[in-house]
PDB file of N, CA and C in Angstrom:
ATOM      1  N   MET A   1     -14.650 -16.647   3.044  1.00  0.00           N
ATOM      2  CA  MET A   1     -15.764 -16.231   4.049  1.00  0.00           C
ATOM      3  C   MET A   1     -15.271 -15.236   4.508  1.00  0.00           C
ATOM      4  N   GLN A   2     -16.517 -14.417   4.531  1.00  0.00           N
ATOM      5  CA  GLN A   2     -16.468 -12.935   5.338  1.00  0.00           C
ATOM      6  C   GLN A   2     -17.521 -12.673   6.200  1.00  0.00           C
ATOM      7  N   ILE A   3     -17.317 -12.355   7.808  1.00  0.00           N
ATOM      8  CA  ILE A   3     -18.398 -12.111   8.890  1.00  0.00           C
ATOM      9  C   ILE A   3     -18.092 -11.110   9.145  1.00  0.00           C
ATOM     10  N   SER A   4     -19.250  -9.930   9.236  1.00  0.00           N
ATOM     11  CA  SER A   4     -18.884  -8.604  10.105  1.00  0.00           C
ATOM     12  C   SER A   4     -19.688  -8.606  11.066  1.00  0.00           C
ATOM     13  N   VAL A   5     -19.533  -7.852  12.263  1.00  0.00           N
ATOM     14  CA  VAL A   5     -20.403  -7.779  13.470  1.00  0.00           C
ATOM     15  C   VAL A   5     -19.883  -6.385  13.668  1.00  0.00           C
ATOM     16  N   LYS A   6     -21.305  -5.677  13.997  1.00  0.00           N
ATOM     17  CA  LYS A   6     -21.387  -4.242  14.031  1.00  0.00           C
ATOM     18  C   LYS A   6     -21.900  -3.980  15.666  1.00  0.00           C
ATOM     19  N   ALA A   7     -21.067  -3.261  16.566  1.00  0.00           N
ATOM     20  CA  ALA A   7     -21.686  -2.919  18.083  1.00  0.00           C
ATOM     21  C   ALA A   7     -22.661  -2.152  17.909  1.00  0.00           C
ATOM     22  N   GLY A   8     -23.086  -2.013  18.992  1.00  0.00           N
ATOM     23  CA  GLY A   8     -24.537  -0.882  19.398  1.00  0.00           C
ATOM     24  C   GLY A   8     -23.541   0.506  19.261  1.00  0.00           C
ATOM     25  N   ASP A   9     -22.197   0.938  19.534  1.00  0.00           N
ATOM     26  CA  ASP A   9     -22.284   2.018  19.383  1.00  0.00           C
ATOM     27  C   ASP A   9     -21.075   2.696  17.887  1.00  0.00           C
ATOM     28  N   GLY A  10     -21.830   1.409  17.104  1.00  0.00           N
ATOM     29  CA  GLY A  10     -21.031   1.860  15.736  1.00  0.00           C
ATOM     30  C   GLY A  10     -19.816   1.512  15.450  1.00  0.00           C
ATOM     31  N   ASP A  11     -19.058   1.014  16.248  1.00  0.00           N
ATOM     32  CA  ASP A  11     -17.287   0.176  15.998  1.00  0.00           C
ATOM     33  C   ASP A  11     -18.276  -1.151  15.153  1.00  0.00           C
ATOM     34  N   GLU A  12     -17.336  -1.305  14.251  1.00  0.00           N
ATOM     35  CA  GLU A  12     -17.234  -2.726  13.817  1.00  0.00           C
ATOM     36  C   GLU A  12     -16.362  -3.608  13.360  1.00  0.00           C
ATOM     37  N   ALA A  13     -16.218  -4.842  13.333  1.00  0.00           N
ATOM     38  CA  ALA A  13     -15.363  -5.662  12.940  1.00  0.00           C
ATOM     39  C   ALA A  13     -15.643  -6.582  12.278  1.00  0.00           C
ATOM     40  N   ALA A  14     -14.829  -7.006  10.935  1.00  0.00           N
ATOM     41  CA  ALA A  14     -15.303  -8.048  10.172  1.00  0.00           C
ATOM     42  C   ALA A  14     -13.529  -8.815  10.016  1.00  0.00           C
ATOM     43  N   ILE A  15     -14.170 -10.442   9.803  1.00  0.00           N
ATOM     44  CA  ILE A  15     -13.459 -11.287   9.771  1.00  0.00           C
ATOM     45  C   ILE A  15     -13.340 -11.768   8.554  1.00  0.00           C
ATOM     46  N   GLY A  16     -12.152 -11.680   7.658  1.00  0.00           N
ATOM     47  CA  GLY A  16     -12.206 -12.683   6.045  1.00  0.00           C
ATOM     48  C   GLY A  16     -11.459 -14.016   5.886  1.00  0.00           C
ATOM     49  N   ALA A  17     -11.564 -14.706   5.592  1.00  0.00           N
ATOM     50  CA  ALA A  17     -10.935 -15.911   5.537  1.00  0.00           C
ATOM     51  C   ALA A  17     -10.821 -16.431   3.940  1.00  0.00           C
ATOM     52  N   ASN A  18      -9.435 -16.953   3.560  1.00  0.00           N
ATOM     53  CA  ASN A  18      -9.167 -17.229   2.263  1.00  0.00           C
ATOM     54  C   ASN A  18      -8.894 -18.976   2.669  1.00  0.00           C
ATOM     55  N   ILE A  19      -8.868 -20.016   2.020  1.00  0.00           N
ATOM     56  CA  ILE A  19      -8.216 -20.904   2.729  1.00  0.00           C
ATOM     57  C   ILE A  19      -7.014 -21.039   1.403  1.00  0.00           C
ATOM     58  N   VAL A  20      -5.752 -21.085   2.217  1.00  0.00           N
ATOM     59  CA  VAL A  20      -4.766 -21.758   1.498  1.00  0.00           C
ATOM     60  C   VAL A  20      -4.865 -22.763   0.852  1.00  0.00           C
ATOM     61  N   SER A  21      -4.995 -23.915   1.652  1.00  0.00           N
ATOM     62  CA  SER A  21      -4.836 -25.085   1.824  1.00  0.00           C
ATOM     63  C   SER A  21      -5.367 -25.869   2.621  1.00  0.00           C
ATOM     64  N   GLY A  22      -5.430 -27.362   2.599  1.00  0.00           N
ATOM     65  CA  GLY A  22      -6.021 -28.203   3.811  1.00  0.00           C
ATOM     66  C   GLY A  22      -5.832 -28.043   5.355  1.00  0.00           C
ATOM     67  N   GLU A  23      -4.450 -27.196   5.277  1.00  0.00           N
ATOM     68  CA  GLU A  23      -3.862 -26.870   6.470  1.00  0.00           C
ATOM     69  C   GLU A  23      -3.870 -25.322   7.352  1.00  0.00           C
ATOM     70  N   LEU A  24      -3.914 -24.522   6.228  1.00  0.00           N
ATOM     71  CA  LEU A  24      -3.769 -22.948   6.549  1.00  0.00           C
ATOM     72  C   LEU A  24      -5.142 -22.189   5.488  1.00  0.00           C
ATOM     73  N   ALA A  25      -5.288 -21.189   6.140  1.00  0.00           N
ATOM     74  CA  ALA A  25      -5.983 -19.964   5.872  1.00  0.00           C
ATOM     75  C   ALA A  25      -5.296 -18.875   5.836  1.00  0.00           C
ATOM     76  N   LEU A  26      -5.694 -17.929   5.321  1.00  0.00           N
ATOM     77  CA  LEU A  26      -5.384 -16.228   5.433  1.00  0.00           C
ATOM     78  C   LEU A  26      -6.412 -15.903   5.749  1.00  0.00           C
ATOM     79  N   VAL A  27      -6.218 -15.192   7.338  1.00  0.00           N
ATOM     80  CA  VAL A  27      -7.560 -14.604   7.954  1.00  0.00           C
ATOM     81  C   VAL A  27      -6.899 -13.043   7.886  1.00  0.00           C
ATOM     82  N   THR A  28      -8.093 -12.205   7.687  1.00  0.00           N
ATOM     83  CA  THR A  28      -8.000 -10.882   8.031  1.00  0.00           C
ATOM     84  C   THR A  28      -8.791 -10.303   9.115  1.00  0.00           C
ATOM     85  N   PHE A  29      -8.539  -9.347   9.951  1.00  0.00           N
ATOM     86  CA  PHE A  29      -9.000  -8.684  10.992  1.00  0.00           C
ATOM     87  C   PHE A  29      -9.197  -7.464  10.383  1.00  0.00           C
ATOM     88  N   GLU A  30     -10.215  -6.820  10.182  1.00  0.00           N
ATOM     89  CA  GLU A  30     -10.398  -5.447  10.101  1.00  0.00           C
ATOM     90  C   GLU A  30     -11.380  -4.710  11.078  1.00  0.00           C
ATOM     91  N   THR A  31     -11.080  -3.791  11.696  1.00  0.00           N
ATOM     92  CA  THR A  31     -12.039  -3.035  12.732  1.00  0.00           C
ATOM     93  C   THR A  31     -11.777  -1.519  12.043  1.00  0.00           C
ATOM     94  N   THR A  32     -12.977  -0.745  12.452  1.00  0.00           N
ATOM     95  CA  THR A  32     -13.687   0.139  12.229  1.00  0.00           C
ATOM     96  C   THR A  32     -14.037   0.989  13.839  1.00  0.00           C
ATOM     97  N   SER A  33     -13.526   1.843  14.042  1.00  0.00           N
ATOM     98  CA  SER A  33     -13.886   2.474  15.327  1.00  0.00           C
ATOM     99  C   SER A  33     -14.051   4.017  15.123  1.00  0.00           C
ATOM    100  N   THR A  34     -15.563   4.155  15.707  1.00  0.00           N
ATOM    101  CA  THR A  34     -16.112   5.696  15.624  1.00  0.00           C
ATOM    102  C   THR A  34     -15.814   6.447  16.206  1.00  0.00           C
ATOM    103  N   ARG A  35     -15.188   5.931  17.289  1.00  0.00           N
ATOM    104  CA  ARG A  35     -14.260   6.890  18.265  1.00  0.00           C
ATOM    105  C   ARG A  35     -13.185   7.494  17.963  1.00  0.00           C
ATOM    106  N   SER A  36     -12.821   6.973  16.745  1.00  0.00           N
ATOM    107  CA  SER A  36     -11.309   7.627  16.362  1.00  0.00           C
ATOM    108  C   SER A  36     -11.585   7.954  14.842  1.00  0.00           C
ATOM    109  N   ASN A  37     -12.849   8.667  14.628  1.00  0.00           N
ATOM    110  CA  ASN A  37     -13.270   9.120  13.304  1.00  0.00           C
ATOM    111  C   ASN A  37     -12.881   8.364  12.218  1.00  0.00           C
ATOM    112  N   LEU A  38     -13.585   6.848  12.366  1.00  0.00           N
ATOM    113  CA  LEU A  38     -13.534   6.021  11.985  1.00  0.00           C
ATOM    114  C   LEU A  38     -12.465   5.152  10.871  1.00  0.00           C
ATOM    115  N   LYS A  39     -11.283   5.236  11.764  1.00  0.00           N
ATOM    116  CA  LYS A  39      -9.949   4.240  11.419  1.00  0.00           C
ATOM    117  C   LYS A  39     -10.081   3.106  11.539  1.00  0.00           C
ATOM    118  N   THR A  40      -9.850   2.632   9.984  1.00  0.00           N
ATOM    119  CA  THR A  40      -9.481   1.155  10.426  1.00  0.00           C
ATOM    120  C   THR A  40      -8.699   0.856  10.123  1.00  0.00           C
ATOM    121  N   GLU A  41      -8.403  -0.503  10.607  1.00  0.00           N
ATOM    122  CA  GLU A  41      -7.024  -1.058  10.985  1.00  0.00           C
ATOM    123  C   GLU A  41      -7.696  -2.681  10.170  1.00  0.00           C
ATOM    124  N   ARG A  42      -6.359  -2.936   9.601  1.00  0.00           N
ATOM    125  CA  ARG A  42      -5.855  -4.299   9.280  1.00  0.00           C
ATOM    126  C   ARG A  42      -5.221  -5.069  10.244  1.00  0.00           C
ATOM    127  N   LEU A  43      -5.368  -6.408   9.940  1.00  0.00           N
ATOM    128  CA  LEU A  43      -4.712  -7.116  10.637  1.00  0.00           C
ATOM    129  C   LEU A  43      -4.210  -8.592   9.831  1.00  0.00           C
ATOM    130  N   PRO A  44      -3.624  -8.833   9.069  1.00  0.00           N
ATOM    131  CA  PRO A  44      -3.852  -9.978   8.169  1.00  0.00           C
ATOM    132  C   PRO A  44      -2.934 -11.342   9.174  1.00  0.00           C
ATOM    133  N   MET A  45      -3.041 -12.327   8.979  1.00  0.00           N
ATOM    134  CA  MET A  45      -2.375 -13.556   9.139  1.00  0.00           C
ATOM    135  C   MET A  45      -2.836 -14.616   8.971  1.00  0.00           C
ATOM    136  N   THR A  46      -1.500 -15.652   8.870  1.00  0.00           N
ATOM    137  CA  THR A  46      -2.264 -16.780   8.129  1.00  0.00           C
ATOM    138  C   THR A  46      -1.930 -17.720   9.674  1.00  0.00           C
ATOM    139  N   LEU A  47      -3.372 -18.772   9.629  1.00  0.00           N
ATOM    140  CA  LEU A  47      -3.655 -19.562  10.742  1.00  0.00           C
ATOM    141  C   LEU A  47      -3.694 -20.885  10.153  1.00  0.00           C
ATOM    142  N   THR A  48      -3.174 -21.666  10.987  1.00  0.00           N
ATOM    143  CA  THR A  48      -3.716 -23.455  11.167  1.00  0.00           C
ATOM    144  C   THR A  48      -4.657 -23.964  11.401  1.00  0.00           C
ATOM    145  N   VAL A  49      -5.162 -24.440  11.371  1.00  0.00           N
ATOM    146  CA  VAL A  49      -6.604 -25.292  12.012  1.00  0.00           C
ATOM    147  C   VAL A  49      -6.583 -24.982  13.326  1.00  0.00           C
ATOM    148  N   ASP A  50      -5.615 -25.929  13.654  1.00  0.00           N
ATOM    149  CA  ASP A  50      -5.477 -25.379  15.702  1.00  0.00           C
ATOM    150  C   ASP A  50      -5.299 -24.447  16.285  1.00  0.00           C
ATOM    151  N   GLN A  51      -4.775 -23.218  15.463  1.00  0.00           N
ATOM    152  CA  GLN A  51      -4.590 -21.776  15.936  1.00  0.00           C
ATOM    153  C   GLN A  51      -5.996 -21.200  15.498  1.00  0.00           C
ATOM    154  N   ALA A  52      -6.367 -21.322  14.738  1.00  0.00           N
ATOM    155  CA  ALA A  52      -7.868 -20.600  14.267  1.00  0.00           C
ATOM    156  C   ALA A  52      -8.970 -21.056  15.165  1.00  0.00           C
ATOM    157  N   ARG A  53      -8.806 -22.832  15.846  1.00  0.00           N
ATOM    158  CA  ARG A  53      -9.791 -23.033  16.748  1.00  0.00           C
ATOM    159  C   ARG A  53      -9.294 -22.688  18.092  1.00  0.00           C
ATOM    160  N   GLU A  54      -7.961 -22.562  18.316  1.00  0.00           N
ATOM    161  CA  GLU A  54      -7.941 -21.334  19.631  1.00  0.00           C
ATOM    162  C   GLU A  54      -8.075 -20.228  20.045  1.00  0.00           C
ATOM    163  N   LEU A  55      -7.808 -19.623  18.572  1.00  0.00           N
ATOM    164  CA  LEU A  55      -8.748 -18.214  18.335  1.00  0.00           C
ATOM    165  C   LEU A  55     -10.000 -18.152  18.552  1.00  0.00           C
ATOM    166  N   ALA A  56     -11.100 -19.120  18.397  1.00  0.00           N
ATOM    167  CA  ALA A  56     -11.834 -19.267  18.324  1.00  0.00           C
ATOM    168  C   ALA A  56     -12.677 -19.530  19.774  1.00  0.00           C
ATOM    169  N   ASN A  57     -11.679 -20.449  20.514  1.00  0.00           N
ATOM    170  CA  ASN A  57     -11.947 -20.575  21.841  1.00  0.00           C
ATOM    171  C   ASN A  57     -12.175 -19.070  22.923  1.00  0.00           C
ATOM    172  N   ALA A  58     -10.847 -18.576  22.562  1.00  0.00           N
ATOM    173  CA  ALA A  58     -10.343 -17.230  22.925  1.00  0.00           C
ATOM    174  C   ALA A  58     -11.453 -16.249  23.012  1.00  0.00           C
ATOM    175  N   LEU A  59     -11.816 -15.980  21.787  1.00  0.00           N
ATOM    176  CA  LEU A  59     -13.485 -15.456  21.480  1.00  0.00           C
ATOM    177  C   LEU A  59     -14.664 -15.815  22.258  1.00  0.00           C
ATOM    178  N   THR A  60     -14.732 -16.905  22.430  1.00  0.00           N
ATOM    179  CA  THR A  60     -15.902 -17.443  23.187  1.00  0.00           C
ATOM    180  C   THR A  60     -15.908 -17.382  24.336  1.00  0.00           C
ATOM    181  N   SER A  61     -14.857 -17.665  25.195  1.00  0.00           N
ATOM    182  CA  SER A  61     -14.572 -17.078  26.562  1.00  0.00           C
ATOM    183  C   SER A  61     -14.700 -15.918  26.759  1.00  0.00           C
ATOM    184  N   VAL A  62     -14.110 -14.720  25.862  1.00  0.00           N
ATOM    185  CA  VAL A  62     -14.575 -13.689  26.392  1.00  0.00           C
ATOM    186  C   VAL A  62     -16.171 -12.930  26.268  1.00  0.00           C
ATOM    187  N   ALA A  63     -16.739 -13.827  25.236  1.00  0.00           N
ATOM    188  CA  ALA A  63     -18.516 -13.873  25.426  1.00  0.00           C
ATOM    189  C   ALA A  63     -18.582 -14.367  26.433  1.00  0.00           C
ATOM    190  N   ASP A  64     -18.714 -15.714  26.680  1.00  0.00           N
ATOM    191  CA  ASP A  64     -19.108 -15.850  28.324  1.00  0.00           C
ATOM    192  C   ASP A  64     -18.483 -15.230  29.582  1.00  0.00           C
ATOM    193  N   ALA A  65     -17.466 -14.426  29.365  1.00  0.00           N
ATOM    194  CA  ALA A  65     -17.104 -13.836  30.591  1.00  0.00           C
ATOM    195  C   ALA A  65     -17.859 -12.433  30.447  1.00  0.00           C
ATOM    196  N   VAL A  66     -18.274 -11.599  29.233  1.00  0.00           N
ATOM    197  CA  VAL A  66     -19.239 -10.715  29.449  1.00  0.00           C
ATOM    198  C   VAL A  66     -20.545 -10.887  29.833  1.00  0.00           C
ATOM    199  N   GLU A  67     -21.285 -12.333  29.270  1.00  0.00           N
ATOM    200  CA  GLU A  67     -22.614 -12.722  29.377  1.00  0.00           C
ATOM    201  C   GLU A  67     -22.671 -12.934  31.382  1.00  0.00           C
ATOM    202  N   PHE A  68     -21.527 -13.258  31.662  1.00  0.00           N
ATOM    203  CA  PHE A  68     -21.734 -13.495  33.459  1.00  0.00           C
ATOM    204  C   PHE A  68     -21.384 -12.318  33.908  1.00  0.00           C
ATOM    205  N   VAL A  69     -20.894 -11.277  33.152  1.00  0.00           N
ATOM    206  CA  VAL A  69     -20.803 -10.232  34.222  1.00  0.00           C
ATOM    207  C   VAL A  69     -22.364  -9.083  33.882  1.00  0.00           C
ATOM    208  N   ARG A  70     -22.803  -9.444  32.692  1.00  0.00           N
ATOM    209  CA  ARG A  70     -24.156  -8.677  32.334  1.00  0.00           C
ATOM    210  C   ARG A  70     -24.972  -9.592  33.543  1.00  0.00           C
ATOM    211  N   ALA A  71     -25.250 -10.565  33.563  1.00  0.00           N
ATOM    212  CA  ALA A  71     -26.157 -11.804  34.557  1.00  0.00           C
ATOM    213  C   ALA A  71     -26.103 -11.655  35.489  1.00  0.00           C
ATOM    214  N   ASN A  72     -24.718 -11.235  36.391  1.00  0.00           N
ATOM    215  CA  ASN A  72     -24.869 -10.829  37.958  1.00  0.00           C
ATOM    216  C   ASN A  72     -24.882  -9.314  37.943  1.00  0.00           C
ATOM    217  N   GLU A  73     -25.045  -8.702  36.982  1.00  0.00           N
ATOM    218  CA  GLU A  73     -24.898  -7.319  37.341  1.00  0.00           C
ATOM    219  C   GLU A  73     -23.667  -6.487  37.954  1.00  0.00           C
ATOM    220  N   PHE A  74     -22.603  -7.304  37.844  1.00  0.00           N
ATOM    221  CA  PHE A  74     -21.296  -6.995  38.086  1.00  0.00           C
ATOM    222  C   PHE A  74     -21.234  -5.361  37.786  1.00  0.00           C
ATOM    223  N   ALA A  75     -20.398  -4.549  38.303  1.00  0.00           N
ATOM    224  CA  ALA A  75     -20.370  -2.844  38.021  1.00  0.00           C
ATOM    225  C   ALA A  75     -18.245  -3.185  37.849  1.00  0.00           C
ATOM    226  N   LEU A  76     -18.104  -2.418  36.711  1.00  0.00           N
ATOM    227  CA  LEU A  76     -17.064  -2.758  36.198  1.00  0.00           C
ATOM    228  C   LEU A  76     -16.176  -1.099  36.279  1.00  0.00           C
ATOM    229  N   PRO A  77     -15.139  -1.097  36.562  1.00  0.00           N
ATOM    230  CA  PRO A  77     -14.166   0.084  36.848  1.00  0.00           C
ATOM    231  C   PRO A  77     -14.556   0.812  35.596  1.00  0.00           C
TER     232      PRO A  77
END
Protein backbone atom coordinates (compact mmCIF):
# COMPACT_ATOMS: atom_id res chain seq x y z
CA MET A 1 0.00 0.00 0.00
CA GLN A 2 1.33 3.47 -0.87
CA ILE A 3 -0.31 6.82 -0.07
CA SER A 4 1.13 10.19 -1.12
CA VAL A 5 0.03 13.65 -0.04
CA LYS A 6 1.31 16.85 -1.64
CA ALA A 7 1.03 20.17 0.18
CA GLY A 8 0.27 23.47 -1.50
CA ASP A 9 3.86 24.63 -1.05
CA GLY A 10 5.24 21.63 -2.92
CA ASP A 11 6.24 19.54 0.10
CA GLU A 12 5.28 15.89 -0.21
CA ALA A 13 4.76 13.04 2.23
CA ALA A 14 4.40 9.38 1.33
CA ILE A 15 3.47 6.45 3.53
CA GLY A 16 4.16 2.92 2.39
CA ALA A 17 3.13 -0.23 4.22
CA ASN A 18 4.05 -3.85 3.71
CA ILE A 19 2.14 -6.38 5.78
CA VAL A 20 4.58 -8.63 7.61
CA SER A 21 2.04 -10.78 9.45
CA GLY A 22 -1.47 -10.63 10.87
CA GLU A 23 -0.09 -8.43 13.64
CA LEU A 24 2.74 -6.37 12.11
CA ALA A 25 3.35 -4.03 9.19
CA LEU A 26 6.58 -2.46 8.00
CA VAL A 27 5.72 1.21 7.51
CA THR A 28 7.96 3.74 5.76
CA PHE A 29 7.42 7.49 5.98
CA GLU A 30 9.11 9.52 3.27
CA THR A 31 9.09 13.31 3.15
CA THR A 32 10.36 15.64 0.47
CA SER A 33 10.72 19.33 1.23
CA THR A 34 11.03 22.06 -1.37
CA ARG A 35 12.44 24.33 1.32
CA SER A 36 15.53 22.14 1.71
CA ASN A 37 16.26 21.74 -2.03
CA LEU A 38 14.06 18.65 -2.40
CA LYS A 39 15.81 16.79 0.39
CA THR A 40 14.11 13.42 0.92
CA GLU A 41 14.08 11.74 4.29
CA ARG A 42 12.97 8.15 4.96
CA LEU A 43 11.88 6.76 8.31
CA PRO A 44 11.18 3.00 8.30
CA MET A 45 9.49 1.41 11.32
CA THR A 46 7.55 -1.70 12.25
CA LEU A 47 4.14 -1.08 13.82
CA THR A 48 1.65 -3.34 15.51
CA VAL A 49 -2.05 -2.89 14.76
CA ASP A 50 -2.50 -0.88 17.97
CA GLN A 51 0.49 1.35 17.22
CA ALA A 52 -0.76 2.02 13.68
CA ARG A 53 -4.19 3.01 15.05
CA GLU A 54 -2.55 5.26 17.67
CA LEU A 55 -0.52 6.98 14.97
CA ALA A 56 -3.62 7.39 12.80
CA ASN A 57 -5.50 8.92 15.75
CA ALA A 58 -2.63 11.34 16.40
CA LEU A 59 -2.59 12.48 12.76
CA THR A 60 -6.37 12.89 12.80
CA SER A 61 -6.08 15.00 15.96
CA VAL A 62 -3.57 17.29 14.25
CA ALA A 63 -5.87 17.67 11.24
CA ASP A 64 -8.80 18.47 13.57
CA ALA A 65 -6.72 21.12 15.36
CA VAL A 66 -5.70 22.76 12.08
CA GLU A 67 -9.33 22.82 10.91
CA PHE A 68 -10.39 24.36 14.24
CA VAL A 69 -7.78 27.11 13.95
CA ARG A 70 -8.79 27.79 10.34
CA ALA A 71 -12.52 27.84 11.12
CA ASN A 72 -12.04 30.22 14.03
CA GLU A 73 -9.49 32.39 12.18
CA PHE A 74 -6.95 32.27 14.97
CA ALA A 75 -3.66 34.03 14.26
CA LEU A 76 -0.67 31.78 14.77
CA PRO A 77 2.67 33.17 16.01
